[in-house]
Amino acid sequence: MESGPAIFAGTAFTLFGAGLLVWTAARVLHRAPVAHGVNPATAVVFATAFGAAFLALGVWCFGRI
């Protein structure tokens, strides 16, 4: 019964992390700003780090099932 919330959380974290990484890569490839009003290098580093962290958290949730 406890696997239901873990599946939902894992799916949500994995989709968000993967989406953030894909979106960041698309913005970088098109040389578009990742975040307005922020140093471009800083924005790319933080977006990539948080995307990877959410993706890892989602995989960790699936591993706890």
Protein backbone atom coordinates (compact mmCIF):
# COMPACT_ATOMS: atom_id res chain seq x y z
CA MET A 1 0.00 0.00 0.00
CA GLU A 2 2.94 2.33 0.58
CA SER A 3 4.22 1.90 -2.98
CA GLY A 4 1.47 4.10 -4.47
CA PRO A 5 2.83 7.41 -3.15
CA ALA A 6 6.39 6.34 -4.00
CA ILE A 7 5.37 5.60 -7.58
CA PHE A 8 3.60 8.96 -7.89
CA ALA A 9 6.48 10.91 -6.34
CA GLY A 10 9.06 9.05 -8.40
CA THR A 11 7.16 9.74 -11.59
CA ALA A 12 6.68 13.42 -10.76
CA PHE A 13 10.33 13.97 -9.80
CA THR A 14 11.66 12.02 -12.78
CA LEU A 15 9.46 13.82 -15.31
CA PHE A 16 10.27 17.23 -13.85
CA GLY A 17 14.01 16.55 -13.71
CA ALA A 18 14.14 15.16 -17.24
CA GLY A 19 12.00 18.01 -18.53
CA LEU A 20 14.22 20.60 -16.88
CA LEU A 21 17.35 19.02 -18.36
CA VAL A 22 15.82 18.84 -21.86
CA TRP A 23 14.54 22.41 -21.64
CA THR A 24 17.91 23.70 -20.42
CA ALA A 25 19.73 21.87 -23.22
CA ALA A 26 17.34 23.28 -25.82
CA ARG A 27 17.82 26.83 -24.50
CA VAL A 28 21.60 26.45 -24.50
CA LEU A 29 21.68 24.99 -28.02
CA HIS A 30 19.59 27.91 -29.33
CA ARG A 31 21.74 30.37 -27.38
CA ALA A 32 18.65 31.65 -25.60
CA PRO A 33 18.71 32.76 -21.96
CA VAL A 34 17.91 30.05 -19.46
CA ALA A 35 16.75 32.57 -16.84
CA HIS A 36 16.18 36.27 -17.42
CA GLY A 37 18.23 38.67 -15.35
CA VAL A 38 20.78 36.06 -14.27
CA ASN A 39 24.34 35.43 -15.44
CA PRO A 40 23.98 32.83 -18.25
CA ALA A 41 26.70 30.53 -16.90
CA THR A 42 25.16 30.57 -13.43
CA ALA A 43 21.70 29.85 -14.79
CA VAL A 44 22.93 26.87 -16.81
CA VAL A 45 24.85 25.41 -13.87
CA PHE A 46 21.95 25.74 -11.44
CA ALA A 47 19.31 24.48 -13.91
CA THR A 48 21.46 21.48 -14.79
CA ALA A 49 22.23 20.73 -11.14
CA PHE A 50 18.59 20.92 -10.09
CA GLY A 51 17.46 18.88 -13.10
CA ALA A 52 19.96 16.16 -12.25
CA ALA A 53 19.01 16.29 -8.57
CA PHE A 54 15.29 15.88 -9.31
CA LEU A 55 16.03 13.08 -11.75
CA ALA A 56 18.16 11.30 -9.15
CA LEU A 57 15.47 11.81 -6.50
CA GLY A 58 12.89 10.27 -8.81
CA VAL A 59 15.09 7.25 -9.48
CA TRP A 60 15.71 6.91 -5.74
CA CYS A 61 11.94 6.91 -5.11
CA PHE A 62 11.51 4.12 -7.65
CA GLY A 63 14.27 2.17 -5.96
CA ARG A 64 12.37 2.25 -2.67
CA ILE A 65 9.37 0.41 -4.12
